[in-house]
N, C-alpha and C. Protein backbone atom coordinates (compact mmCIF):
# COMPACT_ATOMS: atom_id res chain seq x y z
N MET A 1 8.79 46.42 134.10
CA MET A 1 8.00 45.89 133.21
C MET A 1 8.87 44.80 132.40
N SER A 2 7.77 43.72 132.11
CA SER A 2 8.40 42.63 131.58
C SER A 2 8.95 42.47 130.04
N ARG A 3 10.03 42.01 129.92
CA ARG A 3 10.73 42.13 128.57
C ARG A 3 10.59 40.88 127.56
N LYS A 4 10.05 39.97 128.13
CA LYS A 4 9.96 38.74 127.28
C LYS A 4 9.11 38.83 126.39
N GLY A 5 8.19 39.73 126.00
CA GLY A 5 7.01 39.96 125.12
C GLY A 5 5.92 39.35 125.24
N GLN A 6 5.12 38.97 124.37
CA GLN A 6 3.68 38.59 124.37
C GLN A 6 3.97 37.12 124.45
N THR A 7 2.82 36.34 125.27
CA THR A 7 2.97 35.01 125.56
C THR A 7 2.04 34.27 124.13
N LYS A 8 2.56 33.50 123.84
CA LYS A 8 1.97 32.85 122.62
C LYS A 8 0.75 32.07 123.00
N ILE A 9 -0.48 32.29 122.11
CA ILE A 9 -1.80 31.74 122.73
C ILE A 9 -1.68 30.20 122.01
N ARG A 10 -1.91 29.25 123.13
CA ARG A 10 -1.90 27.84 122.69
C ARG A 10 -3.18 27.70 122.12
N GLU A 11 -3.00 26.55 121.06
CA GLU A 11 -4.14 26.08 120.16
C GLU A 11 -4.80 24.95 121.05
N VAL A 12 -6.25 25.38 121.22
CA VAL A 12 -7.14 24.21 122.08
C VAL A 12 -7.53 23.51 120.89
N LEU A 13 -7.20 21.88 120.96
CA LEU A 13 -7.87 21.14 120.23
C LEU A 13 -9.61 20.84 120.62
N PRO A 14 -10.10 20.21 119.51
CA PRO A 14 -11.70 20.18 119.65
C PRO A 14 -11.86 18.83 120.43
N ASP A 15 -12.83 18.68 121.08
CA ASP A 15 -13.28 17.45 121.89
C ASP A 15 -13.47 16.28 121.03
N THR A 16 -13.46 15.22 121.48
CA THR A 16 -13.50 13.99 120.80
C THR A 16 -15.01 13.66 120.28
N GLU A 17 -15.78 13.82 121.01
CA GLU A 17 -17.25 13.43 120.84
C GLU A 17 -18.15 14.44 120.08
N TYR A 18 -18.04 16.01 120.32
CA TYR A 18 -18.70 17.03 119.65
C TYR A 18 -17.83 17.56 118.69
N LYS A 19 -16.52 17.48 118.58
CA LYS A 19 -15.54 18.30 117.57
C LYS A 19 -15.77 19.78 117.93
N SER A 20 -15.75 20.26 118.93
CA SER A 20 -15.97 21.44 119.30
C SER A 20 -14.92 22.15 120.26
N ILE A 21 -14.32 23.27 119.88
CA ILE A 21 -13.37 23.91 120.81
C ILE A 21 -14.00 24.51 122.22
N VAL A 22 -15.31 24.89 122.06
CA VAL A 22 -15.99 25.56 123.08
C VAL A 22 -16.20 24.62 124.22
N ILE A 23 -16.65 23.18 123.73
CA ILE A 23 -16.77 22.42 124.72
C ILE A 23 -15.53 21.76 125.35
N THR A 24 -14.51 22.06 124.47
CA THR A 24 -13.11 21.59 125.18
C THR A 24 -12.77 22.56 126.28
N LYS A 25 -13.05 23.81 126.11
CA LYS A 25 -12.69 24.85 126.78
C LYS A 25 -13.55 24.94 128.03
N LEU A 26 -14.84 24.37 128.04
CA LEU A 26 -15.83 23.97 129.04
C LEU A 26 -15.17 22.97 130.07
N ILE A 27 -14.80 21.83 129.21
CA ILE A 27 -14.29 20.98 130.15
C ILE A 27 -12.68 20.97 130.76
N ASN A 28 -12.07 21.94 130.21
CA ASN A 28 -10.84 22.29 130.97
C ASN A 28 -11.15 23.26 132.06
N ARG A 29 -12.29 24.15 132.07
CA ARG A 29 -12.77 24.86 133.01
C ARG A 29 -13.30 23.97 134.17
N VAL A 30 -14.09 22.94 134.08
CA VAL A 30 -14.87 22.12 134.76
C VAL A 30 -13.53 21.14 135.58
N MET A 31 -12.75 20.99 135.09
CA MET A 31 -11.63 20.08 135.23
C MET A 31 -10.95 20.43 136.91
N TYR A 32 -10.76 19.57 137.68
CA TYR A 32 -10.43 19.71 138.93
C TYR A 32 -9.26 18.86 139.24
N ALA A 33 -8.21 19.50 139.86
CA ALA A 33 -6.83 18.47 140.17
C ALA A 33 -6.17 17.84 138.90
N GLY A 34 -6.57 18.36 137.65
CA GLY A 34 -6.01 17.42 136.57
C GLY A 34 -6.94 16.50 136.13
N ASN A 35 -7.90 16.22 136.75
CA ASN A 35 -8.76 14.98 136.46
C ASN A 35 -9.65 15.16 135.16
N LYS A 36 -9.02 15.03 133.91
CA LYS A 36 -9.82 15.64 132.76
C LYS A 36 -11.00 14.66 132.60
N ASN A 37 -10.53 13.09 132.61
CA ASN A 37 -11.72 12.23 132.34
C ASN A 37 -13.01 12.37 132.93
N ALA A 38 -12.73 12.61 134.38
CA ALA A 38 -14.19 12.80 135.26
C ALA A 38 -14.56 14.27 134.64
N ALA A 39 -13.99 15.26 134.35
CA ALA A 39 -14.53 16.41 133.95
C ALA A 39 -15.34 16.13 132.52
N GLN A 40 -14.73 15.14 131.73
CA GLN A 40 -15.28 15.18 130.20
C GLN A 40 -16.74 14.27 130.59
N LYS A 41 -16.74 13.54 131.65
CA LYS A 41 -17.82 12.38 131.68
C LYS A 41 -18.89 13.45 132.18
N GLN A 42 -18.74 14.42 133.20
CA GLN A 42 -19.74 15.22 133.70
C GLN A 42 -20.23 16.03 132.71
N VAL A 43 -19.11 16.81 131.82
CA VAL A 43 -19.83 17.78 130.85
C VAL A 43 -20.76 17.07 129.77
N TYR A 44 -20.05 15.84 129.14
CA TYR A 44 -20.90 14.96 128.34
C TYR A 44 -22.33 14.47 128.70
N GLU A 45 -22.51 14.24 129.82
CA GLU A 45 -23.69 13.88 130.81
C GLU A 45 -24.49 15.12 130.84
N ALA A 46 -24.09 16.23 131.32
CA ALA A 46 -24.77 17.55 131.29
C ALA A 46 -25.35 18.12 129.70
N LEU A 47 -24.53 17.88 128.85
CA LEU A 47 -24.80 18.30 127.38
C LEU A 47 -26.10 17.23 127.12
N LYS A 48 -25.98 15.88 127.36
CA LYS A 48 -26.91 15.13 126.89
C LYS A 48 -28.28 15.53 127.58
N LEU A 49 -28.13 15.77 128.90
CA LEU A 49 -29.43 16.31 129.79
C LEU A 49 -29.87 17.52 129.12
N PHE A 50 -29.03 18.59 128.61
CA PHE A 50 -29.24 19.80 128.21
C PHE A 50 -30.10 19.62 126.83
N GLN A 51 -29.55 18.80 126.04
CA GLN A 51 -30.33 18.45 124.61
C GLN A 51 -31.60 17.79 124.79
N LYS A 52 -31.73 17.04 125.74
CA LYS A 52 -32.99 16.43 126.09
C LYS A 52 -34.12 17.30 126.47
N GLU A 53 -33.71 18.38 127.54
CA GLU A 53 -34.42 19.23 128.14
C GLU A 53 -34.71 20.36 127.05
N SER A 54 -33.78 20.99 126.32
CA SER A 54 -34.01 21.93 125.38
C SER A 54 -34.69 21.48 124.00
N LYS A 55 -34.52 20.23 123.91
CA LYS A 55 -35.33 19.61 122.48
C LYS A 55 -34.50 20.17 121.08
N SER A 56 -33.17 20.27 121.40
CA SER A 56 -32.64 20.71 120.33
C SER A 56 -31.87 19.48 119.51
N GLU A 57 -31.75 19.96 118.20
CA GLU A 57 -30.91 19.09 117.45
C GLU A 57 -29.61 19.16 117.55
N ASP A 58 -29.03 20.24 117.30
CA ASP A 58 -27.64 20.47 117.52
C ASP A 58 -27.10 21.14 118.67
N ILE A 59 -26.62 20.49 119.70
CA ILE A 59 -26.13 20.79 120.58
C ILE A 59 -24.95 21.86 120.91
N VAL A 60 -24.28 21.70 120.00
CA VAL A 60 -23.24 22.64 119.88
C VAL A 60 -23.68 24.10 119.66
N THR A 61 -24.54 24.44 118.73
CA THR A 61 -25.25 25.87 118.47
C THR A 61 -25.92 26.15 119.70
N THR A 62 -26.77 25.30 120.21
CA THR A 62 -27.39 25.43 121.30
C THR A 62 -26.72 25.94 122.50
N LEU A 63 -25.59 25.59 122.89
CA LEU A 63 -24.66 25.80 123.93
C LEU A 63 -23.96 26.96 123.68
N GLU A 64 -23.40 27.26 122.24
CA GLU A 64 -23.13 28.49 122.05
C GLU A 64 -23.99 29.70 122.07
N GLN A 65 -25.38 29.44 121.77
CA GLN A 65 -26.42 30.28 122.09
C GLN A 65 -26.76 30.93 123.61
N ALA A 66 -26.68 29.61 124.37
CA ALA A 66 -26.56 29.86 125.81
C ALA A 66 -25.24 30.75 126.31
N LEU A 67 -24.29 30.47 125.79
CA LEU A 67 -23.02 31.44 126.32
C LEU A 67 -23.14 32.76 125.65
N ASP A 68 -23.91 32.87 124.41
CA ASP A 68 -23.90 34.38 123.91
C ASP A 68 -24.81 35.09 124.99
N ASN A 69 -25.55 34.56 125.54
CA ASN A 69 -26.67 35.23 126.79
C ASN A 69 -25.68 35.64 127.89
N ILE A 70 -24.55 34.84 128.01
CA ILE A 70 -24.02 35.31 129.16
C ILE A 70 -22.63 36.30 128.81
N LYS A 71 -22.17 36.26 127.63
CA LYS A 71 -21.05 37.11 127.13
C LYS A 71 -21.23 38.53 127.62
N PRO A 72 -20.62 39.11 128.35
CA PRO A 72 -20.36 40.44 128.39
C PRO A 72 -19.95 41.63 127.39
N LYS A 73 -20.71 42.47 127.28
CA LYS A 73 -19.86 43.44 126.17
C LYS A 73 -19.12 44.51 126.72
N VAL A 74 -19.18 44.87 127.75
CA VAL A 74 -18.30 46.07 128.34
C VAL A 74 -18.08 45.46 129.83
N GLU A 75 -16.97 46.15 130.33
CA GLU A 75 -16.65 45.78 131.60
C GLU A 75 -15.92 47.03 132.22
N VAL A 76 -15.80 47.10 133.62
CA VAL A 76 -15.18 48.02 134.05
C VAL A 76 -13.59 47.65 134.57
N ARG A 77 -12.65 48.54 134.48
CA ARG A 77 -11.51 48.42 134.65
C ARG A 77 -10.79 49.51 135.50
N PRO A 78 -9.98 49.30 136.69
CA PRO A 78 -9.71 50.37 137.32
C PRO A 78 -8.55 51.12 136.82
N ARG A 79 -8.48 52.38 136.79
CA ARG A 79 -7.38 53.51 136.21
C ARG A 79 -7.10 54.29 137.08
N ARG A 80 -6.07 54.35 137.48
CA ARG A 80 -5.43 55.51 138.45
C ARG A 80 -4.98 56.73 138.01
N ILE A 81 -5.62 58.10 138.21
CA ILE A 81 -5.26 59.08 137.89
C ILE A 81 -5.28 60.15 138.82
N GLY A 82 -4.02 60.87 139.15
CA GLY A 82 -3.92 61.77 140.32
C GLY A 82 -4.36 61.17 141.70
N GLY A 83 -4.16 60.03 141.81
CA GLY A 83 -4.32 59.75 143.18
C GLY A 83 -5.48 58.87 143.25
N ALA A 84 -6.48 59.05 142.59
CA ALA A 84 -7.96 58.40 142.58
C ALA A 84 -8.07 57.59 141.39
N VAL A 85 -8.72 56.37 141.98
CA VAL A 85 -8.82 55.39 141.21
C VAL A 85 -10.40 55.29 140.59
N TYR A 86 -10.46 55.25 139.27
CA TYR A 86 -11.77 55.28 138.50
C TYR A 86 -12.15 53.93 137.97
N GLN A 87 -13.23 53.58 137.92
CA GLN A 87 -13.76 52.39 137.31
C GLN A 87 -13.92 52.92 135.84
N VAL A 88 -13.24 52.55 134.98
CA VAL A 88 -13.40 53.01 133.57
C VAL A 88 -13.78 51.78 132.65
N PRO A 89 -15.32 52.23 132.05
CA PRO A 89 -15.76 51.14 131.29
C PRO A 89 -14.85 50.59 129.97
N THR A 90 -14.75 49.46 129.48
CA THR A 90 -13.97 49.40 128.40
C THR A 90 -14.95 47.94 127.52
N PRO A 91 -14.70 48.04 126.25
CA PRO A 91 -15.15 46.82 125.66
C PRO A 91 -14.67 45.53 125.84
N VAL A 92 -15.10 44.46 125.87
CA VAL A 92 -14.50 43.05 126.17
C VAL A 92 -14.14 42.60 124.73
N ARG A 93 -12.86 41.95 124.72
CA ARG A 93 -12.17 41.07 123.49
C ARG A 93 -13.25 39.77 123.29
N GLY A 94 -13.43 39.33 122.22
CA GLY A 94 -14.12 38.03 121.94
C GLY A 94 -13.60 36.95 122.79
N SER A 95 -12.22 36.88 122.77
CA SER A 95 -11.88 35.72 123.53
C SER A 95 -12.12 35.77 124.94
N ARG A 96 -11.97 36.94 125.61
CA ARG A 96 -12.11 37.33 126.79
C ARG A 96 -13.52 37.12 127.28
N GLN A 97 -14.64 37.48 126.38
CA GLN A 97 -15.97 37.30 126.62
C GLN A 97 -16.31 35.89 126.60
N TYR A 98 -15.64 34.97 125.73
CA TYR A 98 -16.06 33.22 125.95
C TYR A 98 -15.59 32.79 127.36
N SER A 99 -14.09 33.33 127.64
CA SER A 99 -13.75 32.75 128.77
C SER A 99 -14.41 33.36 129.99
N LEU A 100 -14.92 34.58 130.17
CA LEU A 100 -15.75 35.02 131.05
C LEU A 100 -16.93 34.17 131.28
N ALA A 101 -17.66 33.97 130.08
CA ALA A 101 -18.75 33.40 129.90
C ALA A 101 -18.68 32.10 130.55
N ILE A 102 -17.70 31.34 130.04
CA ILE A 102 -17.51 29.71 130.64
C ILE A 102 -17.28 29.95 132.18
N ARG A 103 -16.65 30.83 132.59
CA ARG A 103 -15.91 30.92 133.77
C ARG A 103 -17.30 31.19 134.90
N TRP A 104 -18.18 32.04 134.42
CA TRP A 104 -19.18 32.40 135.34
C TRP A 104 -20.38 31.28 135.17
N LEU A 105 -20.38 30.68 134.17
CA LEU A 105 -21.41 29.41 133.84
C LEU A 105 -20.80 28.45 134.96
N VAL A 106 -19.52 27.98 134.89
CA VAL A 106 -18.95 26.76 135.85
C VAL A 106 -19.29 27.33 137.26
N THR A 107 -18.95 28.36 137.69
CA THR A 107 -19.07 28.92 138.98
C THR A 107 -20.51 28.76 139.55
N SER A 108 -21.41 29.51 138.61
CA SER A 108 -22.80 29.44 139.11
C SER A 108 -23.42 28.14 139.23
N ALA A 109 -22.88 27.05 138.31
CA ALA A 109 -23.32 25.84 138.51
C ALA A 109 -22.98 24.93 139.91
N ARG A 110 -21.57 25.55 140.24
CA ARG A 110 -21.07 24.81 141.34
C ARG A 110 -21.71 25.39 142.64
N LYS A 111 -22.26 26.40 142.63
CA LYS A 111 -23.01 27.12 143.77
C LYS A 111 -24.27 26.72 143.84
N ARG A 112 -24.91 25.95 143.00
CA ARG A 112 -26.13 25.39 142.91
C ARG A 112 -26.37 24.22 144.07
N PRO A 113 -27.54 24.40 144.68
CA PRO A 113 -27.37 23.26 146.17
C PRO A 113 -27.26 21.55 145.91
N ASN A 114 -26.76 21.10 146.36
CA ASN A 114 -26.52 19.66 146.58
C ASN A 114 -27.72 19.06 146.67
N LYS A 115 -28.79 19.73 147.62
CA LYS A 115 -29.71 18.73 147.97
C LYS A 115 -31.01 18.61 146.75
N GLN A 116 -30.92 19.63 146.06
CA GLN A 116 -31.70 19.70 144.84
C GLN A 116 -31.23 19.14 143.44
N TYR A 117 -29.94 19.14 143.45
CA TYR A 117 -29.11 18.74 142.11
C TYR A 117 -27.90 17.76 142.81
N HIS A 118 -28.25 16.55 142.80
CA HIS A 118 -27.26 15.51 143.10
C HIS A 118 -25.86 14.99 142.40
N SER A 119 -25.85 15.58 141.27
CA SER A 119 -24.56 15.50 140.69
C SER A 119 -24.13 16.81 139.93
N PHE A 120 -22.93 17.07 139.57
CA PHE A 120 -22.49 18.46 138.85
C PHE A 120 -23.23 18.49 137.48
N ALA A 121 -23.32 17.16 136.79
CA ALA A 121 -23.96 17.17 135.55
C ALA A 121 -25.40 17.77 135.58
N LEU A 122 -26.16 17.59 136.45
CA LEU A 122 -27.54 18.05 136.81
C LEU A 122 -27.33 19.74 137.16
N LYS A 123 -26.41 19.94 137.79
CA LYS A 123 -26.35 21.47 138.10
C LYS A 123 -25.92 22.15 136.80
N LEU A 124 -24.92 21.60 135.82
CA LEU A 124 -24.54 22.43 135.04
C LEU A 124 -25.66 22.41 133.91
N ALA A 125 -26.22 21.38 133.77
CA ALA A 125 -27.48 21.19 132.72
C ALA A 125 -28.63 22.05 133.05
N ALA A 126 -28.70 22.28 134.50
CA ALA A 126 -29.69 23.13 134.85
C ALA A 126 -29.50 24.71 134.76
N GLU A 127 -28.02 24.92 134.74
CA GLU A 127 -27.57 26.19 134.60
C GLU A 127 -27.48 26.69 133.22
N LEU A 128 -27.32 25.68 132.31
CA LEU A 128 -27.40 25.97 130.89
C LEU A 128 -28.86 26.33 130.48
N LEU A 129 -29.62 25.84 130.88
CA LEU A 129 -31.24 25.79 130.74
C LEU A 129 -31.78 27.34 131.11
N ALA A 130 -31.14 27.61 132.21
CA ALA A 130 -31.37 28.89 132.81
C ALA A 130 -30.93 29.98 131.80
N THR A 131 -29.52 29.74 131.50
CA THR A 131 -29.00 30.92 130.54
C THR A 131 -29.63 30.81 129.21
N LEU A 132 -29.99 29.88 128.58
CA LEU A 132 -30.73 29.72 127.40
C LEU A 132 -31.94 30.71 127.59
N ASN A 133 -32.76 30.74 128.85
CA ASN A 133 -34.02 31.39 129.16
C ASN A 133 -33.67 32.88 129.43
N ASN A 134 -32.42 33.20 129.65
CA ASN A 134 -32.03 34.41 129.95
C ASN A 134 -32.20 34.51 131.46
N GLU A 135 -32.16 33.50 132.43
CA GLU A 135 -32.48 33.48 133.50
C GLU A 135 -31.00 33.11 134.29
N GLY A 136 -30.96 32.75 135.57
CA GLY A 136 -29.99 32.26 136.35
C GLY A 136 -29.00 33.33 136.82
N SER A 137 -28.00 32.77 137.73
CA SER A 137 -27.18 33.56 138.36
C SER A 137 -25.93 33.91 137.52
N SER A 138 -25.68 33.24 136.26
CA SER A 138 -24.57 33.74 135.27
C SER A 138 -25.07 34.85 134.64
N ILE A 139 -26.37 34.94 134.26
CA ILE A 139 -26.86 35.99 133.58
C ILE A 139 -27.08 37.31 134.74
N ALA A 140 -27.35 36.91 135.89
CA ALA A 140 -27.49 38.15 136.89
C ALA A 140 -25.82 38.58 136.95
N LYS A 141 -24.87 37.92 136.86
CA LYS A 141 -23.48 38.31 136.92
C LYS A 141 -23.14 39.44 135.79
N ARG A 142 -23.65 39.04 134.57
CA ARG A 142 -23.30 39.60 133.31
C ARG A 142 -24.02 41.25 133.48
N GLN A 143 -25.44 40.85 134.08
CA GLN A 143 -26.22 42.24 134.25
C GLN A 143 -25.34 43.08 135.15
N GLU A 144 -24.83 42.49 136.27
CA GLU A 144 -24.29 43.32 137.15
C GLU A 144 -23.09 44.02 136.82
N ILE A 145 -22.27 43.32 136.18
CA ILE A 145 -21.02 44.01 135.38
C ILE A 145 -21.40 44.90 134.22
N GLU A 146 -22.37 44.74 133.54
CA GLU A 146 -22.97 45.93 132.47
C GLU A 146 -23.71 46.98 133.42
N ARG A 147 -24.27 46.85 134.46
CA ARG A 147 -24.82 47.79 135.30
C ARG A 147 -23.67 48.68 135.70
N MET A 148 -22.61 48.12 136.24
CA MET A 148 -21.59 48.91 136.51
C MET A 148 -20.80 49.84 135.53
N ALA A 149 -20.66 49.36 134.58
CA ALA A 149 -20.09 49.74 133.31
C ALA A 149 -20.81 50.99 132.82
N GLU A 150 -22.27 50.78 132.97
CA GLU A 150 -23.33 51.98 132.72
C GLU A 150 -23.43 53.28 133.67
N ALA A 151 -23.10 52.50 134.91
CA ALA A 151 -23.08 53.63 135.97
C ALA A 151 -21.72 54.38 135.89
N ASN A 152 -20.72 53.95 135.41
CA ASN A 152 -19.48 54.56 135.38
C ASN A 152 -19.27 55.03 133.96
N LYS A 153 -20.14 55.39 133.15
CA LYS A 153 -20.07 55.84 131.93
C LYS A 153 -19.48 57.18 131.64
N ALA A 154 -19.46 58.01 132.59
CA ALA A 154 -18.94 59.30 132.75
C ALA A 154 -17.37 59.33 132.47
N PHE A 155 -16.53 58.15 133.11
CA PHE A 155 -15.41 57.97 132.94
C PHE A 155 -14.96 57.60 131.65
N ALA A 156 -15.56 57.18 130.66
CA ALA A 156 -15.37 56.53 129.54
C ALA A 156 -14.48 57.20 128.76
N HIS A 157 -14.19 58.48 128.82
CA HIS A 157 -12.99 59.37 128.19
C HIS A 157 -11.78 58.81 128.81
N LEU A 158 -11.44 58.31 129.82
CA LEU A 158 -10.28 58.05 130.46
C LEU A 158 -9.77 56.60 130.03
N ARG A 159 -10.27 56.24 129.04
CA ARG A 159 -10.02 54.81 128.56
C ARG A 159 -8.71 54.93 127.88
N TRP A 160 -7.79 53.99 127.98
CA TRP A 160 -6.45 53.91 127.30
C TRP A 160 -6.27 53.01 126.04
């Protein structure tokens, strides 16, 4: 076991345009090969498209509402007992809920076809709109995780 203790959680600074920590985390997740300026441009363009399509005044609250639709409440974690590995459903911490939601959002946006959406900003905006309406592959991912937790509810007493 490690003896260094717990790692310190770094403070994330809010982004420059919307003054939101959630948008900063989204930018950091979109960032590829350390190119933060390109990621910022893509996210800001996607948010402008998302705001225009969703017809909302406050884009930050609308983004958080879309992320709330993706956030999982429970997940399964493997637990080894007597040579058998059980998938034990456990509740998800708030910070992990946000990180999973942002991760699933970005991966599902990247999987969208290039033929239909010619830039990543269009893909991200389309995925945000879909999640706002409880549709899209990121919502399907959350439902799959929660379905697995429901199926393994019998092992909930093995939680540690």
